[in-house]
Amino acid sequence: MSSSNSIISTYVHFRDDGRADPVPVSESFWGEMAAGKHSQLAQGRLMSAFTFSEPWSMWERHPAGEEMVMLISGSATLVLEEFGQERTVHLSDPSSYVLVPQNVWHTARTSVQTTMLFLTPGAGTEHRPVGSA
């Protein structure tokens, strides 16, 4: 029998060959990803979760494919920048989700403690600060 993990501290990499590997996470994980230190995650999908209680400071997009964003608890508004305009999707029911189209810039806004689950294409997440175009 395997032990239990938390998706907050141990992500899961779903590989293209059908296998899944736990990925221990530290505070430096996303910086390391941006620096190319987790090249094994370039293929497949990464499942992760975050808890936050204020708007994201960054926009992100995924050139490699669509991302699923699912609400676990709290509430948030996902903002998608499509065709030069912002479209908002409010998530308030646990298990509600949004499929973010490939290569679409998106961010999240909330003012309450919120936990969201993400299933993201493993390669090439791009970021830019909120307030920049």
N, C-alpha and C. Protein backbone atom coordinates (compact mmCIF):
# COMPACT_ATOMS: atom_id res chain seq x y z
N MET A 1 0.84 -1.17 0.00
CA MET A 1 0.00 0.00 0.00
C MET A 1 0.89 1.24 0.00
N SER A 2 0.58 2.23 -0.81
CA SER A 2 1.38 3.44 -0.86
C SER A 2 0.90 4.44 0.18
N SER A 3 1.77 5.39 0.49
CA SER A 3 1.41 6.39 1.49
C SER A 3 0.66 7.55 0.85
N SER A 4 -0.02 8.31 1.67
CA SER A 4 -0.78 9.45 1.22
C SER A 4 0.13 10.67 1.08
N ASN A 5 -0.14 11.52 0.10
CA ASN A 5 0.59 12.77 -0.11
C ASN A 5 -0.41 13.91 -0.22
N SER A 6 0.08 15.13 -0.09
CA SER A 6 -0.74 16.31 -0.30
C SER A 6 -0.35 16.94 -1.63
N ILE A 7 -1.32 17.25 -2.48
CA ILE A 7 -1.06 17.87 -3.77
C ILE A 7 -0.49 19.28 -3.61
N ILE A 8 -0.61 19.86 -2.42
CA ILE A 8 -0.03 21.17 -2.14
C ILE A 8 1.50 21.07 -2.05
N SER A 9 2.01 20.00 -1.47
CA SER A 9 3.46 19.88 -1.26
C SER A 9 4.14 18.84 -2.14
N THR A 10 3.36 17.98 -2.78
CA THR A 10 3.91 16.97 -3.69
C THR A 10 3.03 16.93 -4.92
N TYR A 11 3.51 17.53 -6.00
CA TYR A 11 2.75 17.53 -7.25
C TYR A 11 2.84 16.15 -7.89
N VAL A 12 2.12 15.95 -8.98
CA VAL A 12 2.16 14.68 -9.71
C VAL A 12 2.42 14.99 -11.18
N HIS A 13 3.43 14.33 -11.74
CA HIS A 13 3.74 14.46 -13.16
C HIS A 13 3.16 13.25 -13.88
N PHE A 14 2.17 13.48 -14.74
CA PHE A 14 1.57 12.42 -15.54
C PHE A 14 2.33 12.37 -16.86
N ARG A 15 3.10 11.32 -17.03
CA ARG A 15 3.96 11.21 -18.21
C ARG A 15 3.18 10.72 -19.41
N ASP A 16 3.71 11.02 -20.59
CA ASP A 16 3.07 10.61 -21.84
C ASP A 16 3.00 9.09 -21.98
N ASP A 17 3.87 8.36 -21.28
CA ASP A 17 3.84 6.89 -21.38
C ASP A 17 2.81 6.27 -20.44
N GLY A 18 2.00 7.11 -19.77
CA GLY A 18 0.94 6.60 -18.91
C GLY A 18 1.32 6.47 -17.45
N ARG A 19 2.58 6.66 -17.12
CA ARG A 19 2.99 6.55 -15.72
C ARG A 19 2.86 7.91 -15.02
N ALA A 20 2.84 7.87 -13.70
CA ALA A 20 2.75 9.10 -12.90
C ALA A 20 3.84 9.06 -11.83
N ASP A 21 4.49 10.21 -11.64
CA ASP A 21 5.58 10.32 -10.66
C ASP A 21 5.28 11.45 -9.69
N PRO A 22 5.45 11.22 -8.37
CA PRO A 22 5.33 12.32 -7.42
C PRO A 22 6.50 13.29 -7.62
N VAL A 23 6.24 14.58 -7.42
CA VAL A 23 7.26 15.61 -7.58
C VAL A 23 7.28 16.44 -6.29
N PRO A 24 8.27 16.22 -5.40
CA PRO A 24 8.36 17.04 -4.18
C PRO A 24 8.56 18.51 -4.55
N VAL A 25 7.91 19.39 -3.80
CA VAL A 25 7.93 20.81 -4.13
C VAL A 25 8.55 21.60 -2.98
N SER A 26 9.40 22.56 -3.35
CA SER A 26 9.98 23.48 -2.38
C SER A 26 9.60 24.90 -2.79
N GLU A 27 9.96 25.88 -1.98
CA GLU A 27 9.67 27.28 -2.29
C GLU A 27 10.34 27.70 -3.59
N SER A 28 11.43 27.05 -3.96
CA SER A 28 12.19 27.43 -5.16
C SER A 28 11.74 26.68 -6.42
N PHE A 29 10.73 25.83 -6.30
CA PHE A 29 10.34 24.96 -7.42
C PHE A 29 10.05 25.73 -8.71
N TRP A 30 9.20 26.77 -8.65
CA TRP A 30 8.79 27.45 -9.88
C TRP A 30 9.94 28.24 -10.49
N GLY A 31 10.82 28.78 -9.66
CA GLY A 31 12.02 29.44 -10.17
C GLY A 31 12.94 28.44 -10.87
N GLU A 32 13.06 27.26 -10.28
CA GLU A 32 13.85 26.20 -10.90
C GLU A 32 13.23 25.76 -12.22
N MET A 33 11.90 25.66 -12.26
CA MET A 33 11.22 25.30 -13.51
C MET A 33 11.54 26.32 -14.60
N ALA A 34 11.45 27.60 -14.26
CA ALA A 34 11.72 28.66 -15.23
C ALA A 34 13.16 28.61 -15.71
N ALA A 35 14.07 28.13 -14.86
CA ALA A 35 15.49 28.04 -15.23
C ALA A 35 15.82 26.73 -15.95
N GLY A 36 14.79 25.89 -16.19
CA GLY A 36 15.01 24.64 -16.93
C GLY A 36 15.58 23.50 -16.11
N LYS A 37 15.48 23.58 -14.78
CA LYS A 37 16.07 22.55 -13.92
C LYS A 37 15.21 21.30 -13.75
N HIS A 38 13.99 21.31 -14.26
CA HIS A 38 13.11 20.14 -14.16
C HIS A 38 12.73 19.69 -15.57
N SER A 39 13.73 19.42 -16.39
CA SER A 39 13.47 19.07 -17.80
C SER A 39 12.65 17.80 -17.94
N GLN A 40 12.66 16.93 -16.94
CA GLN A 40 11.87 15.70 -17.00
C GLN A 40 10.37 16.00 -17.05
N LEU A 41 9.97 17.23 -16.69
CA LEU A 41 8.56 17.60 -16.68
C LEU A 41 8.11 18.22 -18.00
N ALA A 42 9.01 18.31 -18.99
CA ALA A 42 8.70 18.98 -20.25
C ALA A 42 7.61 18.27 -21.05
N GLN A 43 7.47 16.99 -20.87
CA GLN A 43 6.43 16.23 -21.56
C GLN A 43 5.35 15.83 -20.56
N GLY A 44 4.16 15.56 -21.04
CA GLY A 44 3.09 15.13 -20.16
C GLY A 44 2.38 16.30 -19.50
N ARG A 45 1.78 16.04 -18.34
CA ARG A 45 1.01 17.06 -17.61
C ARG A 45 1.44 17.07 -16.16
N LEU A 46 1.43 18.26 -15.58
CA LEU A 46 1.76 18.43 -14.17
C LEU A 46 0.50 18.80 -13.41
N MET A 47 0.17 18.01 -12.38
CA MET A 47 -0.95 18.33 -11.50
C MET A 47 -0.38 19.02 -10.27
N SER A 48 -0.92 20.19 -9.95
CA SER A 48 -0.47 20.95 -8.79
C SER A 48 -1.67 21.63 -8.15
N ALA A 49 -1.47 22.17 -6.97
CA ALA A 49 -2.52 22.92 -6.30
C ALA A 49 -1.88 24.04 -5.50
N PHE A 50 -2.62 25.14 -5.36
CA PHE A 50 -2.14 26.30 -4.62
C PHE A 50 -3.27 26.83 -3.76
N THR A 51 -2.88 27.37 -2.61
CA THR A 51 -3.81 28.10 -1.76
C THR A 51 -3.35 29.55 -1.74
N PHE A 52 -4.27 30.47 -1.98
CA PHE A 52 -3.93 31.89 -2.02
C PHE A 52 -5.15 32.68 -1.56
N SER A 53 -4.94 33.94 -1.16
CA SER A 53 -6.06 34.75 -0.66
C SER A 53 -6.01 36.18 -1.19
N GLU A 54 -5.26 36.39 -2.26
CA GLU A 54 -5.22 37.70 -2.90
C GLU A 54 -4.99 37.49 -4.40
N PRO A 55 -5.23 38.52 -5.20
CA PRO A 55 -5.04 38.35 -6.65
C PRO A 55 -3.61 37.95 -6.98
N TRP A 56 -3.47 37.15 -8.03
CA TRP A 56 -2.13 36.79 -8.51
C TRP A 56 -1.42 38.04 -8.98
N SER A 57 -0.12 38.07 -8.82
CA SER A 57 0.68 39.21 -9.29
C SER A 57 1.15 39.01 -10.73
N MET A 58 0.89 37.81 -11.28
CA MET A 58 1.38 37.48 -12.62
C MET A 58 0.25 36.95 -13.50
N TRP A 59 0.42 37.17 -14.80
CA TRP A 59 -0.35 36.46 -15.83
C TRP A 59 0.49 35.26 -16.22
N GLU A 60 -0.14 34.21 -16.71
CA GLU A 60 0.60 33.07 -17.26
C GLU A 60 -0.11 32.55 -18.49
N ARG A 61 0.65 31.81 -19.31
CA ARG A 61 0.07 31.11 -20.45
C ARG A 61 0.88 29.86 -20.72
N HIS A 62 0.25 28.93 -21.46
CA HIS A 62 0.85 27.61 -21.70
C HIS A 62 0.84 27.32 -23.19
N PRO A 63 1.94 27.58 -23.88
CA PRO A 63 2.01 27.34 -25.32
C PRO A 63 1.86 25.87 -25.72
N ALA A 64 2.11 24.94 -24.79
CA ALA A 64 2.11 23.52 -25.13
C ALA A 64 0.72 22.89 -25.09
N GLY A 65 -0.31 23.58 -24.58
CA GLY A 65 -1.63 22.97 -24.55
C GLY A 65 -2.56 23.63 -23.56
N GLU A 66 -3.77 23.09 -23.47
CA GLU A 66 -4.79 23.62 -22.56
C GLU A 66 -4.45 23.27 -21.11
N GLU A 67 -4.95 24.11 -20.22
CA GLU A 67 -4.79 23.88 -18.79
C GLU A 67 -6.18 23.76 -18.16
N MET A 68 -6.34 22.80 -17.25
CA MET A 68 -7.56 22.71 -16.47
C MET A 68 -7.30 23.39 -15.13
N VAL A 69 -8.21 24.30 -14.73
CA VAL A 69 -8.13 24.98 -13.44
C VAL A 69 -9.42 24.65 -12.69
N MET A 70 -9.30 23.97 -11.54
CA MET A 70 -10.47 23.53 -10.79
C MET A 70 -10.46 24.12 -9.39
N LEU A 71 -11.60 24.62 -8.96
CA LEU A 71 -11.75 25.14 -7.61
C LEU A 71 -11.92 24.00 -6.62
N ILE A 72 -11.13 24.02 -5.56
CA ILE A 72 -11.25 23.04 -4.48
C ILE A 72 -12.02 23.66 -3.31
N SER A 73 -11.64 24.90 -2.95
CA SER A 73 -12.34 25.61 -1.87
C SER A 73 -12.20 27.11 -2.07
N GLY A 74 -13.07 27.87 -1.40
CA GLY A 74 -13.06 29.32 -1.54
C GLY A 74 -13.81 29.76 -2.78
N SER A 75 -13.38 30.87 -3.37
CA SER A 75 -13.95 31.34 -4.63
C SER A 75 -12.93 32.24 -5.30
N ALA A 76 -12.97 32.28 -6.62
CA ALA A 76 -12.03 33.09 -7.37
C ALA A 76 -12.63 33.42 -8.73
N THR A 77 -12.11 34.48 -9.31
CA THR A 77 -12.46 34.83 -10.68
C THR A 77 -11.22 34.61 -11.53
N LEU A 78 -11.36 33.77 -12.52
CA LEU A 78 -10.27 33.55 -13.47
C LEU A 78 -10.46 34.55 -14.60
N VAL A 79 -9.40 35.24 -14.95
CA VAL A 79 -9.43 36.26 -16.00
C VAL A 79 -8.61 35.75 -17.18
N LEU A 80 -9.26 35.65 -18.34
CA LEU A 80 -8.60 35.18 -19.56
C LEU A 80 -8.52 36.32 -20.55
N GLU A 81 -7.36 36.52 -21.13
CA GLU A 81 -7.17 37.56 -22.14
C GLU A 81 -7.28 36.90 -23.51
N GLU A 82 -8.43 37.11 -24.15
CA GLU A 82 -8.70 36.49 -25.44
C GLU A 82 -9.06 37.56 -26.46
N PHE A 83 -8.39 37.50 -27.59
CA PHE A 83 -8.69 38.40 -28.71
C PHE A 83 -8.64 39.87 -28.27
N GLY A 84 -7.66 40.19 -27.42
CA GLY A 84 -7.47 41.56 -26.98
C GLY A 84 -8.45 42.04 -25.92
N GLN A 85 -9.29 41.15 -25.40
CA GLN A 85 -10.26 41.52 -24.37
C GLN A 85 -10.17 40.55 -23.20
N GLU A 86 -10.55 41.03 -22.03
CA GLU A 86 -10.59 40.17 -20.85
C GLU A 86 -11.96 39.51 -20.72
N ARG A 87 -11.93 38.20 -20.49
CA ARG A 87 -13.15 37.44 -20.21
C ARG A 87 -12.99 36.88 -18.81
N THR A 88 -14.01 37.01 -17.97
CA THR A 88 -13.92 36.51 -16.60
C THR A 88 -14.83 35.31 -16.41
N VAL A 89 -14.37 34.38 -15.61
CA VAL A 89 -15.15 33.21 -15.23
C VAL A 89 -15.07 33.10 -13.71
N HIS A 90 -16.21 33.22 -13.05
CA HIS A 90 -16.24 33.15 -11.59
C HIS A 90 -16.44 31.69 -11.17
N LEU A 91 -15.58 31.23 -10.28
CA LEU A 91 -15.67 29.87 -9.73
C LEU A 91 -16.02 29.99 -8.25
N SER A 92 -17.18 29.46 -7.88
CA SER A 92 -17.60 29.53 -6.47
C SER A 92 -18.05 28.19 -5.92
N ASP A 93 -18.27 27.22 -6.78
CA ASP A 93 -18.69 25.89 -6.33
C ASP A 93 -17.51 24.93 -6.38
N PRO A 94 -17.16 24.30 -5.25
CA PRO A 94 -16.09 23.32 -5.28
C PRO A 94 -16.33 22.31 -6.41
N SER A 95 -15.31 21.99 -7.12
CA SER A 95 -15.27 21.08 -8.27
C SER A 95 -15.60 21.77 -9.59
N SER A 96 -15.99 23.06 -9.56
CA SER A 96 -16.19 23.76 -10.84
C SER A 96 -14.82 24.04 -11.45
N TYR A 97 -14.77 24.02 -12.77
CA TYR A 97 -13.48 24.19 -13.43
C TYR A 97 -13.62 24.96 -14.73
N VAL A 98 -12.46 25.40 -15.23
CA VAL A 98 -12.35 26.10 -16.50
C VAL A 98 -11.24 25.43 -17.29
N LEU A 99 -11.46 25.25 -18.58
CA LEU A 99 -10.38 24.83 -19.47
C LEU A 99 -9.83 26.09 -20.12
N VAL A 100 -8.59 26.41 -19.79
CA VAL A 100 -7.94 27.59 -20.35
C VAL A 100 -7.33 27.19 -21.69
N PRO A 101 -7.75 27.85 -22.77
CA PRO A 101 -7.22 27.47 -24.09
C PRO A 101 -5.70 27.64 -24.17
N GLN A 102 -5.11 26.85 -25.03
CA GLN A 102 -3.67 26.91 -25.28
C GLN A 102 -3.26 28.33 -25.63
N ASN A 103 -2.18 28.78 -25.03
CA ASN A 103 -1.53 30.06 -25.33
C ASN A 103 -2.34 31.29 -24.91
N VAL A 104 -3.38 31.14 -24.07
CA VAL A 104 -4.18 32.27 -23.61
C VAL A 104 -3.63 32.75 -22.26
N TRP A 105 -3.32 34.04 -22.18
CA TRP A 105 -2.87 34.64 -20.92
C TRP A 105 -4.01 34.59 -19.92
N HIS A 106 -3.71 34.25 -18.66
CA HIS A 106 -4.73 34.19 -17.62
C HIS A 106 -4.13 34.49 -16.25
N THR A 107 -5.01 34.96 -15.36
CA THR A 107 -4.64 35.25 -13.99
C THR A 107 -5.87 34.98 -13.12
N ALA A 108 -5.71 35.06 -11.81
CA ALA A 108 -6.84 34.82 -10.90
C ALA A 108 -6.93 35.93 -9.88
N ARG A 109 -8.16 36.21 -9.49
CA ARG A 109 -8.43 37.24 -8.48
C ARG A 109 -9.31 36.64 -7.39
N THR A 110 -8.95 36.95 -6.16
CA THR A 110 -9.77 36.56 -5.01
C THR A 110 -9.40 37.44 -3.84
N SER A 111 -10.26 37.44 -2.82
CA SER A 111 -9.95 38.12 -1.57
C SER A 111 -10.22 37.20 -0.38
N VAL A 112 -10.50 35.93 -0.66
CA VAL A 112 -10.74 34.94 0.40
C VAL A 112 -9.77 33.78 0.20
N GLN A 113 -9.53 33.03 1.26
CA GLN A 113 -8.64 31.88 1.12
C GLN A 113 -9.24 30.90 0.11
N THR A 114 -8.46 30.60 -0.92
CA THR A 114 -8.92 29.79 -2.04
C THR A 114 -7.87 28.75 -2.37
N THR A 115 -8.31 27.54 -2.65
CA THR A 115 -7.41 26.49 -3.13
C THR A 115 -7.90 26.04 -4.50
N MET A 116 -6.97 26.01 -5.45
CA MET A 116 -7.29 25.57 -6.81
C MET A 116 -6.33 24.46 -7.23
N LEU A 117 -6.85 23.56 -8.04
CA LEU A 117 -6.08 22.45 -8.60
C LEU A 117 -5.83 22.75 -10.08
N PHE A 118 -4.61 22.46 -10.55
CA PHE A 118 -4.21 22.76 -11.92
C PHE A 118 -3.67 21.51 -12.59
N LEU A 119 -4.10 21.27 -13.82
CA LEU A 119 -3.52 20.22 -14.65
C LEU A 119 -2.98 20.94 -15.88
N THR A 120 -1.65 21.03 -15.94
CA THR A 120 -0.96 21.93 -16.85
C THR A 120 -0.06 21.16 -17.79
N PRO A 121 -0.02 21.56 -19.08
CA PRO A 121 0.98 20.98 -19.97
C PRO A 121 2.36 21.24 -19.38
N GLY A 122 3.20 20.23 -19.35
CA GLY A 122 4.47 20.31 -18.63
C GLY A 122 5.47 21.30 -19.16
N ALA A 123 5.40 21.68 -20.40
CA ALA A 123 6.47 22.49 -20.99
C ALA A 123 6.07 23.93 -21.18
N GLY A 124 7.01 24.81 -20.93
CA GLY A 124 6.95 26.17 -21.42
C GLY A 124 5.92 27.12 -20.84
N THR A 125 5.64 27.07 -19.54
CA THR A 125 4.76 28.09 -18.97
C THR A 125 5.48 29.43 -19.05
N GLU A 126 4.76 30.45 -19.52
CA GLU A 126 5.31 31.80 -19.61
C GLU A 126 4.59 32.70 -18.62
N HIS A 127 5.30 33.68 -18.08
CA HIS A 127 4.74 34.62 -17.11
C HIS A 127 5.02 36.05 -17.51
N ARG A 128 4.13 36.95 -17.06
CA ARG A 128 4.37 38.40 -17.16
C ARG A 128 3.62 39.05 -16.00
N PRO A 129 4.12 40.16 -15.49
CA PRO A 129 3.47 40.82 -14.35
C PRO A 129 2.09 41.34 -14.73
N VAL A 130 1.16 41.30 -13.76
CA VAL A 130 -0.15 41.92 -13.95
C VAL A 130 0.10 43.41 -14.12
N GLY A 131 -0.61 44.02 -15.05
CA GLY A 131 -0.43 45.44 -15.33
C GLY A 131 0.41 45.69 -16.57
N SER A 132 1.03 44.61 -17.12
CA SER A 132 1.79 44.77 -18.37
C SER A 132 1.04 44.07 -19.48
N ALA A 133 1.28 44.52 -20.69
CA ALA A 133 0.58 43.90 -21.83
C ALA A 133 1.51 43.14 -22.70
